[in-house]
């Protein structure tokens, strides 16, 4: 994941602190400001609220009231810094098992990776990621191994996404734990499935 940065201008100190903590945990650098005029020209994104932004700015505003979590706010910052202002396709790549490795991807940009042991938490996060990209095509890529866990996961997804158009793909798992990225093995496998999924679409 490439280096990302943004400015933050919020009167709500409690919320600002939560956003800064989330950003730091994901390697995103935030510059706290009281005025947009002090923001460096090479900064693209401003995290703020509609009430805090008093005048037009050259920055792309990320309004906190448009998101349901601080994690989703930082997701958007990463997308904008990657040049992805309007997302056409989101992909959730999952390595099924007792511990599920997951990669959240928007138009080919890895937004974040995570591990889950609870299906409901995973489904909730997939729904949130899908809902902040309402016009994007949603693809869910699942490793074909761990049959019992895989089938239960697919069942849970189908139960929750009855009103959304989604594509579910099963991808072979052979060799998926060797990717060369320094993250947890389950997350690495999820990223490998995404690569195989992209190759499959190009055929």
N, C-alpha and C. Protein backbone atom coordinates (compact mmCIF):
# COMPACT_ATOMS: atom_id res chain seq x y z
N UNK A 1 0.84 -1.19 0.00
CA UNK A 1 0.00 0.00 0.00
C UNK A 1 0.88 1.24 0.00
N UNK A 2 0.60 2.18 -0.90
CA UNK A 2 1.43 3.36 -1.02
C UNK A 2 1.25 4.30 0.17
N UNK A 3 2.25 5.18 0.38
CA UNK A 3 2.17 6.17 1.46
C UNK A 3 1.02 7.12 1.17
N UNK A 4 0.27 7.49 2.21
CA UNK A 4 -0.89 8.35 2.04
C UNK A 4 -0.87 9.43 3.11
N UNK A 5 -1.40 10.61 2.76
CA UNK A 5 -1.45 11.69 3.73
C UNK A 5 -2.66 12.56 3.46
N UNK A 6 -3.02 13.37 4.46
CA UNK A 6 -4.16 14.27 4.34
C UNK A 6 -4.07 15.31 5.43
N UNK A 7 -4.89 16.34 5.30
CA UNK A 7 -5.05 17.33 6.36
C UNK A 7 -6.37 17.04 7.08
N UNK A 8 -6.45 17.44 8.33
CA UNK A 8 -7.69 17.27 9.09
C UNK A 8 -8.02 18.57 9.80
N UNK A 9 -9.26 19.03 9.62
CA UNK A 9 -9.72 20.27 10.24
C UNK A 9 -11.09 20.01 10.85
N UNK A 10 -11.10 19.75 12.16
CA UNK A 10 -12.33 19.41 12.87
C UNK A 10 -12.36 20.10 14.23
N UNK A 11 -13.49 20.68 14.56
CA UNK A 11 -13.68 21.24 15.89
C UNK A 11 -13.96 20.14 16.91
N UNK A 12 -14.51 19.04 16.45
CA UNK A 12 -14.82 17.91 17.33
C UNK A 12 -13.52 17.18 17.66
N UNK A 13 -12.91 17.51 18.78
CA UNK A 13 -11.60 16.97 19.13
C UNK A 13 -11.65 15.47 19.39
N UNK A 14 -12.73 15.01 19.97
CA UNK A 14 -12.84 13.58 20.27
C UNK A 14 -12.84 12.77 18.98
N UNK A 15 -13.63 13.21 18.01
CA UNK A 15 -13.67 12.51 16.73
C UNK A 15 -12.34 12.63 16.01
N UNK A 16 -11.75 13.82 16.05
CA UNK A 16 -10.45 14.03 15.40
C UNK A 16 -9.40 13.07 15.95
N UNK A 17 -9.39 12.89 17.27
CA UNK A 17 -8.41 11.99 17.89
C UNK A 17 -8.61 10.55 17.42
N UNK A 18 -9.86 10.13 17.27
CA UNK A 18 -10.15 8.78 16.80
C UNK A 18 -9.68 8.59 15.35
N UNK A 19 -9.91 9.61 14.54
CA UNK A 19 -9.49 9.53 13.13
C UNK A 19 -7.97 9.49 13.04
N UNK A 20 -7.31 10.31 13.83
CA UNK A 20 -5.84 10.34 13.82
C UNK A 20 -5.27 8.99 14.27
N UNK A 21 -5.87 8.40 15.28
CA UNK A 21 -5.42 7.09 15.77
C UNK A 21 -5.57 6.02 14.68
N UNK A 22 -6.72 6.02 14.00
CA UNK A 22 -6.95 5.06 12.92
C UNK A 22 -5.97 5.28 11.78
N UNK A 23 -5.75 6.54 11.43
CA UNK A 23 -4.82 6.86 10.35
C UNK A 23 -3.41 6.39 10.68
N UNK A 24 -2.97 6.65 11.90
CA UNK A 24 -1.62 6.25 12.31
C UNK A 24 -1.46 4.74 12.24
N UNK A 25 -2.49 4.00 12.64
CA UNK A 25 -2.40 2.53 12.64
C UNK A 25 -2.31 1.97 11.22
N UNK A 26 -2.69 2.78 10.23
CA UNK A 26 -2.67 2.32 8.84
C UNK A 26 -1.62 3.04 7.99
N UNK A 27 -0.72 3.75 8.66
CA UNK A 27 0.37 4.38 7.94
C UNK A 27 -0.01 5.63 7.16
N UNK A 28 -1.13 6.24 7.53
CA UNK A 28 -1.58 7.47 6.87
C UNK A 28 -1.18 8.66 7.74
N UNK A 29 -0.50 9.63 7.16
CA UNK A 29 -0.04 10.81 7.89
C UNK A 29 -1.10 11.91 7.81
N UNK A 30 -1.52 12.42 8.97
CA UNK A 30 -2.50 13.50 9.01
C UNK A 30 -1.87 14.77 9.59
N UNK A 31 -2.16 15.89 8.95
CA UNK A 31 -1.70 17.20 9.42
C UNK A 31 -2.90 17.95 9.99
N UNK A 32 -2.86 18.26 11.28
CA UNK A 32 -3.96 18.99 11.91
C UNK A 32 -3.84 20.48 11.61
N UNK A 33 -4.94 21.08 11.15
CA UNK A 33 -4.92 22.51 10.81
C UNK A 33 -6.18 23.18 11.33
N UNK A 34 -6.09 24.50 11.48
CA UNK A 34 -7.25 25.31 11.84
C UNK A 34 -7.73 26.14 10.65
N UNK A 35 -6.87 26.20 9.61
CA UNK A 35 -7.15 27.03 8.44
C UNK A 35 -6.61 26.32 7.20
N UNK A 36 -7.38 26.29 6.13
CA UNK A 36 -6.96 25.58 4.92
C UNK A 36 -5.77 26.26 4.23
N UNK A 37 -5.53 27.53 4.52
CA UNK A 37 -4.46 28.25 3.83
C UNK A 37 -3.06 27.77 4.21
N UNK A 38 -2.94 27.05 5.31
CA UNK A 38 -1.62 26.57 5.74
C UNK A 38 -1.32 25.16 5.23
N UNK A 39 -2.25 24.58 4.51
CA UNK A 39 -2.06 23.21 4.03
C UNK A 39 -1.14 23.21 2.81
N UNK A 40 -0.10 22.38 2.80
CA UNK A 40 0.83 22.32 1.65
C UNK A 40 0.10 22.00 0.35
N UNK A 41 0.61 22.53 -0.75
CA UNK A 41 -0.04 22.35 -2.05
C UNK A 41 -0.02 20.90 -2.52
N UNK A 42 0.94 20.11 -2.02
CA UNK A 42 1.00 18.71 -2.46
C UNK A 42 0.07 17.79 -1.67
N UNK A 43 -0.73 18.37 -0.78
CA UNK A 43 -1.74 17.60 -0.06
C UNK A 43 -3.04 17.62 -0.86
N UNK A 44 -3.65 16.46 -1.04
CA UNK A 44 -4.83 16.35 -1.89
C UNK A 44 -6.15 16.34 -1.12
N UNK A 45 -6.10 15.87 0.13
CA UNK A 45 -7.34 15.53 0.84
C UNK A 45 -7.47 16.31 2.14
N UNK A 46 -8.70 16.74 2.44
CA UNK A 46 -8.99 17.39 3.71
C UNK A 46 -10.14 16.66 4.39
N UNK A 47 -9.87 16.14 5.58
CA UNK A 47 -10.92 15.54 6.41
C UNK A 47 -11.54 16.65 7.23
N UNK A 48 -12.84 16.83 7.10
CA UNK A 48 -13.50 17.93 7.79
C UNK A 48 -15.00 17.64 7.89
N UNK A 49 -15.74 18.61 8.38
CA UNK A 49 -17.21 18.53 8.38
C UNK A 49 -17.74 19.70 7.58
N UNK A 50 -18.98 19.63 7.19
CA UNK A 50 -19.55 20.73 6.41
C UNK A 50 -19.63 22.02 7.21
N UNK A 51 -19.82 21.90 8.51
CA UNK A 51 -19.88 23.10 9.35
C UNK A 51 -18.49 23.69 9.59
N UNK A 52 -17.44 22.86 9.54
CA UNK A 52 -16.08 23.36 9.76
C UNK A 52 -15.47 23.97 8.51
N UNK A 53 -15.92 23.55 7.34
CA UNK A 53 -15.36 24.07 6.09
C UNK A 53 -16.12 25.34 5.70
N UNK A 54 -15.50 26.48 5.94
CA UNK A 54 -16.19 27.76 5.77
C UNK A 54 -16.06 28.35 4.37
N UNK A 55 -15.07 27.89 3.60
CA UNK A 55 -14.82 28.48 2.29
C UNK A 55 -14.36 27.42 1.30
N UNK A 56 -14.47 27.69 0.00
CA UNK A 56 -14.03 26.72 -1.01
C UNK A 56 -12.54 26.40 -0.88
N UNK A 57 -12.16 25.21 -1.29
CA UNK A 57 -10.77 24.79 -1.21
C UNK A 57 -10.40 23.95 -2.42
N UNK A 58 -9.11 23.96 -2.78
CA UNK A 58 -8.64 23.14 -3.89
C UNK A 58 -8.54 21.66 -3.50
N UNK A 59 -8.63 21.40 -2.20
CA UNK A 59 -8.52 20.02 -1.71
C UNK A 59 -9.81 19.25 -1.94
N UNK A 60 -9.69 17.93 -2.00
CA UNK A 60 -10.88 17.08 -2.04
C UNK A 60 -11.37 16.89 -0.61
N UNK A 61 -12.56 17.39 -0.28
CA UNK A 61 -13.03 17.24 1.10
C UNK A 61 -13.60 15.85 1.35
N UNK A 62 -13.26 15.29 2.49
CA UNK A 62 -13.88 14.05 2.97
C UNK A 62 -14.70 14.45 4.19
N UNK A 63 -16.00 14.54 4.02
CA UNK A 63 -16.87 15.02 5.10
C UNK A 63 -17.21 13.87 6.05
N UNK A 64 -16.89 14.06 7.31
CA UNK A 64 -17.03 12.97 8.28
C UNK A 64 -18.47 12.51 8.43
N UNK A 65 -19.43 13.41 8.21
CA UNK A 65 -20.82 13.01 8.39
C UNK A 65 -21.33 12.07 7.29
N UNK A 66 -20.53 11.90 6.24
CA UNK A 66 -20.91 10.99 5.15
C UNK A 66 -20.52 9.53 5.42
N UNK A 67 -19.85 9.28 6.55
CA UNK A 67 -19.32 7.94 6.81
C UNK A 67 -19.79 7.43 8.17
N UNK A 68 -19.87 6.10 8.27
CA UNK A 68 -20.38 5.48 9.49
C UNK A 68 -19.28 5.08 10.47
N UNK A 69 -18.01 5.19 10.07
CA UNK A 69 -16.92 4.83 10.96
C UNK A 69 -15.66 5.59 10.58
N UNK A 70 -14.73 5.69 11.53
CA UNK A 70 -13.45 6.34 11.23
C UNK A 70 -12.65 5.51 10.24
N UNK A 71 -12.84 4.21 10.28
CA UNK A 71 -12.15 3.33 9.32
C UNK A 71 -12.57 3.66 7.89
N UNK A 72 -13.86 3.90 7.68
CA UNK A 72 -14.36 4.24 6.35
C UNK A 72 -13.82 5.59 5.88
N UNK A 73 -13.63 6.51 6.82
CA UNK A 73 -13.06 7.82 6.48
C UNK A 73 -11.65 7.65 5.94
N UNK A 74 -10.84 6.84 6.62
CA UNK A 74 -9.47 6.62 6.17
C UNK A 74 -9.44 5.82 4.87
N UNK A 75 -10.39 4.91 4.69
CA UNK A 75 -10.51 4.21 3.41
C UNK A 75 -10.62 5.23 2.27
N UNK A 76 -11.48 6.23 2.47
CA UNK A 76 -11.72 7.24 1.44
C UNK A 76 -10.47 8.07 1.19
N UNK A 77 -9.76 8.42 2.25
CA UNK A 77 -8.51 9.18 2.10
C UNK A 77 -7.52 8.41 1.23
N UNK A 78 -7.38 7.12 1.48
CA UNK A 78 -6.45 6.29 0.70
C UNK A 78 -6.88 6.24 -0.76
N UNK A 79 -8.18 6.11 -1.00
CA UNK A 79 -8.68 6.06 -2.37
C UNK A 79 -8.39 7.36 -3.13
N UNK A 80 -8.68 8.49 -2.50
CA UNK A 80 -8.47 9.77 -3.17
C UNK A 80 -6.99 10.01 -3.44
N UNK A 81 -6.14 9.67 -2.48
CA UNK A 81 -4.69 9.83 -2.68
C UNK A 81 -4.17 8.94 -3.80
N UNK A 82 -4.87 7.84 -4.06
CA UNK A 82 -4.48 6.94 -5.15
C UNK A 82 -5.10 7.38 -6.48
N UNK A 83 -5.79 8.52 -6.48
CA UNK A 83 -6.39 9.03 -7.70
C UNK A 83 -7.73 8.41 -8.04
N UNK A 84 -8.37 7.79 -7.04
CA UNK A 84 -9.64 7.09 -7.27
C UNK A 84 -10.78 7.85 -6.60
N UNK A 85 -11.27 8.88 -7.27
CA UNK A 85 -12.35 9.68 -6.69
C UNK A 85 -13.71 9.03 -6.89
N UNK A 86 -13.91 8.37 -8.01
CA UNK A 86 -15.17 7.66 -8.26
C UNK A 86 -14.84 6.20 -8.55
N UNK A 87 -15.23 5.33 -7.65
CA UNK A 87 -14.88 3.92 -7.74
C UNK A 87 -15.91 3.17 -8.60
N UNK A 88 -15.41 2.41 -9.56
CA UNK A 88 -16.29 1.63 -10.44
C UNK A 88 -16.46 0.19 -10.00
N UNK A 89 -15.45 -0.34 -9.29
CA UNK A 89 -15.50 -1.76 -8.90
C UNK A 89 -14.82 -1.96 -7.55
N UNK A 90 -15.51 -2.61 -6.64
CA UNK A 90 -14.89 -2.98 -5.36
C UNK A 90 -14.85 -4.50 -5.27
N UNK A 91 -13.75 -4.98 -4.71
CA UNK A 91 -13.55 -6.42 -4.58
C UNK A 91 -13.18 -6.74 -3.14
N UNK A 92 -13.88 -7.71 -2.57
CA UNK A 92 -13.54 -8.23 -1.25
C UNK A 92 -12.97 -9.62 -1.49
N UNK A 93 -11.70 -9.80 -1.20
CA UNK A 93 -11.03 -11.08 -1.42
C UNK A 93 -10.84 -11.78 -0.08
N UNK A 94 -11.30 -13.03 0.01
CA UNK A 94 -11.37 -13.71 1.31
C UNK A 94 -10.69 -15.08 1.27
N UNK A 95 -9.83 -15.31 2.24
CA UNK A 95 -9.26 -16.64 2.47
C UNK A 95 -10.09 -17.28 3.58
N UNK A 96 -10.98 -18.23 3.24
CA UNK A 96 -11.89 -18.79 4.25
C UNK A 96 -11.17 -19.72 5.23
N UNK A 97 -11.74 -19.86 6.40
CA UNK A 97 -11.17 -20.73 7.41
C UNK A 97 -11.64 -20.30 8.78
N UNK A 98 -11.09 -20.93 9.81
CA UNK A 98 -11.44 -20.54 11.17
C UNK A 98 -11.06 -19.09 11.41
N UNK A 99 -9.91 -18.69 10.86
CA UNK A 99 -9.52 -17.28 10.84
C UNK A 99 -9.48 -16.86 9.37
N UNK A 100 -10.30 -15.88 9.03
CA UNK A 100 -10.46 -15.47 7.63
C UNK A 100 -9.60 -14.25 7.33
N UNK A 101 -8.72 -14.39 6.35
CA UNK A 101 -7.94 -13.25 5.88
C UNK A 101 -8.71 -12.54 4.78
N UNK A 102 -8.76 -11.22 4.86
CA UNK A 102 -9.59 -10.45 3.93
C UNK A 102 -8.82 -9.24 3.40
N UNK A 103 -8.98 -8.98 2.10
CA UNK A 103 -8.43 -7.77 1.49
C UNK A 103 -9.58 -6.97 0.88
N UNK A 104 -9.61 -5.67 1.19
CA UNK A 104 -10.62 -4.76 0.65
C UNK A 104 -9.95 -3.93 -0.45
N UNK A 105 -10.49 -4.01 -1.66
CA UNK A 105 -9.82 -3.44 -2.84
C UNK A 105 -10.80 -2.58 -3.62
N UNK A 106 -10.36 -1.40 -4.05
CA UNK A 106 -11.21 -0.49 -4.83
C UNK A 106 -10.49 -0.13 -6.12
N UNK A 107 -11.06 -0.52 -7.25
CA UNK A 107 -10.45 -0.27 -8.56
C UNK A 107 -8.98 -0.67 -8.59
N UNK A 108 -8.68 -1.83 -8.03
CA UNK A 108 -7.32 -2.36 -8.06
C UNK A 108 -6.40 -1.85 -6.97
N UNK A 109 -6.86 -0.90 -6.16
CA UNK A 109 -6.04 -0.35 -5.08
C UNK A 109 -6.37 -1.08 -3.78
N UNK A 110 -5.35 -1.62 -3.12
CA UNK A 110 -5.56 -2.30 -1.83
C UNK A 110 -5.81 -1.22 -0.78
N UNK A 111 -7.02 -1.20 -0.24
CA UNK A 111 -7.38 -0.19 0.75
C UNK A 111 -6.98 -0.64 2.15
N UNK A 112 -7.23 -1.89 2.46
CA UNK A 112 -6.80 -2.44 3.75
C UNK A 112 -6.92 -3.95 3.73
N UNK A 113 -6.25 -4.58 4.69
CA UNK A 113 -6.38 -6.02 4.90
C UNK A 113 -6.71 -6.24 6.37
N UNK A 114 -7.32 -7.38 6.66
CA UNK A 114 -7.72 -7.66 8.04
C UNK A 114 -7.93 -9.15 8.23
N UNK A 115 -8.00 -9.57 9.49
CA UNK A 115 -8.34 -10.95 9.84
C UNK A 115 -9.62 -10.96 10.66
N UNK A 116 -10.44 -11.98 10.43
CA UNK A 116 -11.72 -12.11 11.15
C UNK A 116 -11.88 -13.54 11.65
N UNK A 117 -12.49 -13.67 12.81
CA UNK A 117 -12.88 -14.98 13.32
C UNK A 117 -14.39 -15.08 13.45
N UNK A 118 -15.08 -13.98 13.21
CA UNK A 118 -16.53 -13.93 13.37
C UNK A 118 -17.18 -13.55 12.03
N UNK A 119 -18.09 -14.39 11.55
CA UNK A 119 -18.74 -14.14 10.26
C UNK A 119 -19.53 -12.83 10.28
N UNK A 120 -20.23 -12.57 11.38
CA UNK A 120 -21.08 -11.38 11.43
C UNK A 120 -20.26 -10.09 11.34
N UNK A 121 -19.10 -10.07 11.99
CA UNK A 121 -18.24 -8.89 11.90
C UNK A 121 -17.75 -8.68 10.47
N UNK A 122 -17.39 -9.78 9.82
CA UNK A 122 -16.93 -9.69 8.43
C UNK A 122 -18.05 -9.19 7.52
N UNK A 123 -19.24 -9.77 7.64
CA UNK A 123 -20.36 -9.36 6.80
C UNK A 123 -20.69 -7.89 7.02
N UNK A 124 -20.65 -7.45 8.28
CA UNK A 124 -20.91 -6.04 8.60
C UNK A 124 -19.92 -5.12 7.91
N UNK A 125 -18.64 -5.51 7.90
CA UNK A 125 -17.62 -4.68 7.26
C UNK A 125 -17.73 -4.71 5.74
N UNK A 126 -18.13 -5.85 5.18
CA UNK A 126 -18.36 -5.92 3.73
C UNK A 126 -19.51 -4.99 3.35
N UNK A 127 -20.59 -5.02 4.14
CA UNK A 127 -21.74 -4.14 3.87
C UNK A 127 -21.33 -2.67 3.93
N UNK A 128 -20.53 -2.31 4.93
CA UNK A 128 -20.10 -0.92 5.05
C UNK A 128 -19.26 -0.52 3.84
N UNK A 129 -18.34 -1.38 3.43
CA UNK A 129 -17.47 -1.07 2.29
C UNK A 129 -18.30 -0.94 1.02
N UNK A 130 -19.30 -1.81 0.86
CA UNK A 130 -20.18 -1.74 -0.31
C UNK A 130 -21.03 -0.47 -0.28
N UNK A 131 -21.52 -0.11 0.89
CA UNK A 131 -22.44 1.03 1.00
C UNK A 131 -21.76 2.37 0.75
N UNK A 132 -20.45 2.47 1.00
CA UNK A 132 -19.77 3.74 0.70
C UNK A 132 -19.34 3.81 -0.77
N UNK A 133 -19.64 2.73 -1.51
CA UNK A 133 -19.42 2.71 -2.96
C UNK A 133 -20.71 2.24 -3.63
N UNK A 134 -21.79 2.99 -3.48
CA UNK A 134 -23.12 2.50 -3.90
C UNK A 134 -23.27 2.25 -5.39
N UNK A 135 -22.47 2.91 -6.23
CA UNK A 135 -22.61 2.71 -7.68
C UNK A 135 -21.59 1.73 -8.24
N UNK A 136 -20.72 1.21 -7.40
CA UNK A 136 -19.66 0.31 -7.87
C UNK A 136 -20.15 -1.13 -7.97
N UNK A 137 -19.58 -1.86 -8.93
CA UNK A 137 -19.83 -3.29 -9.00
C UNK A 137 -19.13 -3.98 -7.84
N UNK A 138 -19.83 -4.87 -7.15
CA UNK A 138 -19.26 -5.56 -5.99
C UNK A 138 -18.90 -6.99 -6.36
N UNK A 139 -17.62 -7.31 -6.22
CA UNK A 139 -17.13 -8.67 -6.45
C UNK A 139 -16.64 -9.25 -5.12
N UNK A 140 -17.01 -10.48 -4.84
CA UNK A 140 -16.50 -11.17 -3.66
C UNK A 140 -15.74 -12.40 -4.14
N UNK A 141 -14.45 -12.42 -3.86
CA UNK A 141 -13.56 -13.48 -4.32
C UNK A 141 -13.21 -14.35 -3.12
N UNK A 142 -13.47 -15.65 -3.23
CA UNK A 142 -13.29 -16.56 -2.09
C UNK A 142 -12.39 -17.73 -2.50
N UNK A 143 -11.44 -18.06 -1.65
CA UNK A 143 -10.60 -19.23 -1.90
C UNK A 143 -11.43 -20.49 -1.88
N UNK A 144 -11.09 -21.44 -2.73
CA UNK A 144 -11.93 -22.63 -2.91
C UNK A 144 -11.71 -23.70 -1.83
N UNK A 145 -10.69 -23.53 -0.98
CA UNK A 145 -10.42 -24.53 0.05
C UNK A 145 -11.30 -24.35 1.28
N UNK A 146 -10.97 -25.09 2.35
CA UNK A 146 -11.69 -25.00 3.63
C UNK A 146 -13.20 -25.08 3.40
N UNK A 147 -13.64 -26.19 2.79
CA UNK A 147 -15.00 -26.32 2.30
C UNK A 147 -16.10 -25.94 3.27
N UNK A 148 -16.01 -26.42 4.51
CA UNK A 148 -17.06 -26.14 5.49
C UNK A 148 -17.16 -24.64 5.77
N UNK A 149 -16.01 -23.99 5.97
CA UNK A 149 -16.00 -22.56 6.25
C UNK A 149 -16.41 -21.77 5.01
N UNK A 150 -15.93 -22.21 3.85
CA UNK A 150 -16.27 -21.54 2.58
C UNK A 150 -17.77 -21.54 2.34
N UNK A 151 -18.39 -22.71 2.49
CA UNK A 151 -19.82 -22.83 2.22
C UNK A 151 -20.66 -22.00 3.20
N UNK A 152 -20.24 -21.99 4.46
CA UNK A 152 -20.97 -21.19 5.45
C UNK A 152 -20.84 -19.70 5.14
N UNK A 153 -19.65 -19.30 4.70
CA UNK A 153 -19.42 -17.90 4.34
C UNK A 153 -20.30 -17.49 3.17
N UNK A 154 -20.35 -18.31 2.14
CA UNK A 154 -21.18 -18.00 0.97
C UNK A 154 -22.66 -17.91 1.36
N UNK A 155 -23.09 -18.81 2.24
CA UNK A 155 -24.48 -18.78 2.71
C UNK A 155 -24.78 -17.46 3.43
N UNK A 156 -23.85 -17.04 4.30
CA UNK A 156 -24.04 -15.79 5.05
C UNK A 156 -24.08 -14.58 4.10
N UNK A 157 -23.21 -14.58 3.11
CA UNK A 157 -23.17 -13.48 2.15
C UNK A 157 -24.48 -13.40 1.37
N UNK A 158 -24.96 -14.53 0.89
CA UNK A 158 -26.20 -14.55 0.11
C UNK A 158 -27.40 -14.11 0.95
N UNK A 159 -27.37 -14.41 2.24
CA UNK A 159 -28.46 -13.99 3.12
C UNK A 159 -28.50 -12.47 3.29
N UNK A 160 -27.33 -11.85 3.32
CA UNK A 160 -27.24 -10.42 3.60
C UNK A 160 -27.35 -9.54 2.36
N UNK A 161 -27.01 -10.07 1.20
CA UNK A 161 -26.95 -9.25 0.00
C UNK A 161 -28.09 -9.56 -0.97
N UNK A 162 -29.27 -9.80 -0.43
CA UNK A 162 -30.42 -10.14 -1.28
C UNK A 162 -30.84 -8.97 -2.17
N UNK A 163 -30.59 -7.73 -1.72
CA UNK A 163 -31.04 -6.56 -2.49
C UNK A 163 -29.90 -5.88 -3.24
N UNK A 164 -28.74 -6.52 -3.29
CA UNK A 164 -27.60 -5.93 -3.99
C UNK A 164 -27.11 -6.87 -5.08
N UNK A 165 -26.60 -6.28 -6.15
CA UNK A 165 -26.04 -7.08 -7.24
C UNK A 165 -24.58 -7.38 -6.92
N UNK A 166 -24.27 -8.65 -6.71
CA UNK A 166 -22.89 -9.03 -6.41
C UNK A 166 -22.48 -10.21 -7.29
N UNK A 167 -21.19 -10.30 -7.51
CA UNK A 167 -20.61 -11.44 -8.20
C UNK A 167 -19.73 -12.18 -7.20
N UNK A 168 -19.93 -13.49 -7.07
CA UNK A 168 -19.10 -14.31 -6.18
C UNK A 168 -18.26 -15.25 -7.04
N UNK A 169 -16.96 -15.23 -6.80
CA UNK A 169 -16.03 -16.07 -7.57
C UNK A 169 -15.26 -16.97 -6.61
N UNK A 170 -15.09 -18.23 -6.99
CA UNK A 170 -14.23 -19.16 -6.25
C UNK A 170 -12.90 -19.26 -6.98
N UNK A 171 -11.80 -19.11 -6.24
CA UNK A 171 -10.46 -19.09 -6.81
C UNK A 171 -9.62 -20.20 -6.18
N UNK A 172 -8.87 -20.98 -6.98
CA UNK A 172 -8.02 -22.05 -6.41
C UNK A 172 -7.05 -21.51 -5.37
N UNK A 173 -6.80 -22.31 -4.33
CA UNK A 173 -5.95 -21.85 -3.22
C UNK A 173 -4.50 -22.30 -3.33
N UNK A 174 -4.15 -23.14 -4.26
CA UNK A 174 -2.81 -23.71 -4.32
C UNK A 174 -1.74 -22.62 -4.33
N UNK A 175 -0.82 -22.69 -3.36
CA UNK A 175 0.31 -21.75 -3.31
C UNK A 175 -0.06 -20.34 -2.89
N UNK A 176 -1.23 -20.17 -2.29
CA UNK A 176 -1.71 -18.81 -2.02
C UNK A 176 -1.07 -18.16 -0.81
N UNK A 177 -0.29 -18.89 -0.02
CA UNK A 177 0.29 -18.30 1.18
C UNK A 177 1.68 -17.73 0.95
N UNK A 178 2.12 -17.66 -0.30
CA UNK A 178 3.46 -17.14 -0.58
C UNK A 178 3.35 -15.97 -1.55
N UNK A 179 3.34 -14.77 -1.00
CA UNK A 179 3.06 -13.60 -1.81
C UNK A 179 4.16 -12.55 -1.74
N UNK A 180 5.02 -12.62 -0.71
CA UNK A 180 6.12 -11.68 -0.62
C UNK A 180 5.78 -10.37 0.06
N UNK A 181 4.57 -10.25 0.62
CA UNK A 181 4.19 -9.04 1.32
C UNK A 181 4.22 -9.32 2.82
N UNK A 182 4.77 -8.40 3.59
CA UNK A 182 4.95 -8.64 5.02
C UNK A 182 3.68 -8.35 5.80
N UNK A 183 2.67 -9.20 5.60
CA UNK A 183 1.45 -9.15 6.38
C UNK A 183 1.11 -10.57 6.77
N UNK A 184 0.03 -10.75 7.52
CA UNK A 184 -0.32 -12.08 8.00
C UNK A 184 -0.65 -13.00 6.84
N UNK A 185 -0.38 -14.30 7.04
CA UNK A 185 -0.52 -15.28 5.97
C UNK A 185 -1.93 -15.29 5.39
N UNK A 186 -2.97 -15.23 6.23
CA UNK A 186 -4.34 -15.27 5.72
C UNK A 186 -4.64 -14.07 4.83
N UNK A 187 -4.12 -12.91 5.21
CA UNK A 187 -4.32 -11.71 4.41
C UNK A 187 -3.54 -11.81 3.10
N UNK A 188 -2.34 -12.39 3.17
CA UNK A 188 -1.54 -12.60 1.97
C UNK A 188 -2.27 -13.50 0.98
N UNK A 189 -2.88 -14.56 1.49
CA UNK A 189 -3.65 -15.46 0.63
C UNK A 189 -4.80 -14.72 -0.03
N UNK A 190 -5.48 -13.87 0.71
CA UNK A 190 -6.59 -13.10 0.15
C UNK A 190 -6.11 -12.23 -1.01
N UNK A 191 -4.94 -11.62 -0.87
CA UNK A 191 -4.39 -10.80 -1.95
C UNK A 191 -4.03 -11.65 -3.16
N UNK A 192 -3.52 -12.84 -2.91
CA UNK A 192 -3.19 -13.75 -4.01
C UNK A 192 -4.45 -14.13 -4.79
N UNK A 193 -5.54 -14.39 -4.08
CA UNK A 193 -6.80 -14.72 -4.76
C UNK A 193 -7.24 -13.57 -5.66
N UNK A 194 -7.04 -12.35 -5.19
CA UNK A 194 -7.42 -11.19 -6.00
C UNK A 194 -6.60 -11.14 -7.29
N UNK A 195 -5.31 -11.41 -7.20
CA UNK A 195 -4.46 -11.42 -8.40
C UNK A 195 -4.94 -12.48 -9.39
N UNK A 196 -5.28 -13.65 -8.87
CA UNK A 196 -5.76 -14.73 -9.75
C UNK A 196 -7.11 -14.37 -10.36
N UNK A 197 -7.94 -13.69 -9.59
CA UNK A 197 -9.24 -13.24 -10.08
C UNK A 197 -9.06 -12.27 -11.25
N UNK A 198 -8.12 -11.31 -11.12
CA UNK A 198 -7.89 -10.35 -12.20
C UNK A 198 -7.38 -11.05 -13.45
N UNK A 199 -6.50 -12.03 -13.27
CA UNK A 199 -5.99 -12.78 -14.43
C UNK A 199 -7.11 -13.55 -15.11
N UNK A 200 -8.01 -14.11 -14.30
CA UNK A 200 -9.14 -14.87 -14.84
C UNK A 200 -10.03 -13.97 -15.69
N UNK A 201 -10.27 -12.74 -15.25
CA UNK A 201 -11.12 -11.82 -16.00
C UNK A 201 -10.49 -11.40 -17.32
N UNK A 202 -9.15 -11.36 -17.37
CA UNK A 202 -8.46 -10.91 -18.59
C UNK A 202 -8.42 -11.98 -19.67
N UNK A 203 -8.74 -13.22 -19.31
CA UNK A 203 -8.68 -14.30 -20.31
C UNK A 203 -9.80 -14.19 -21.33
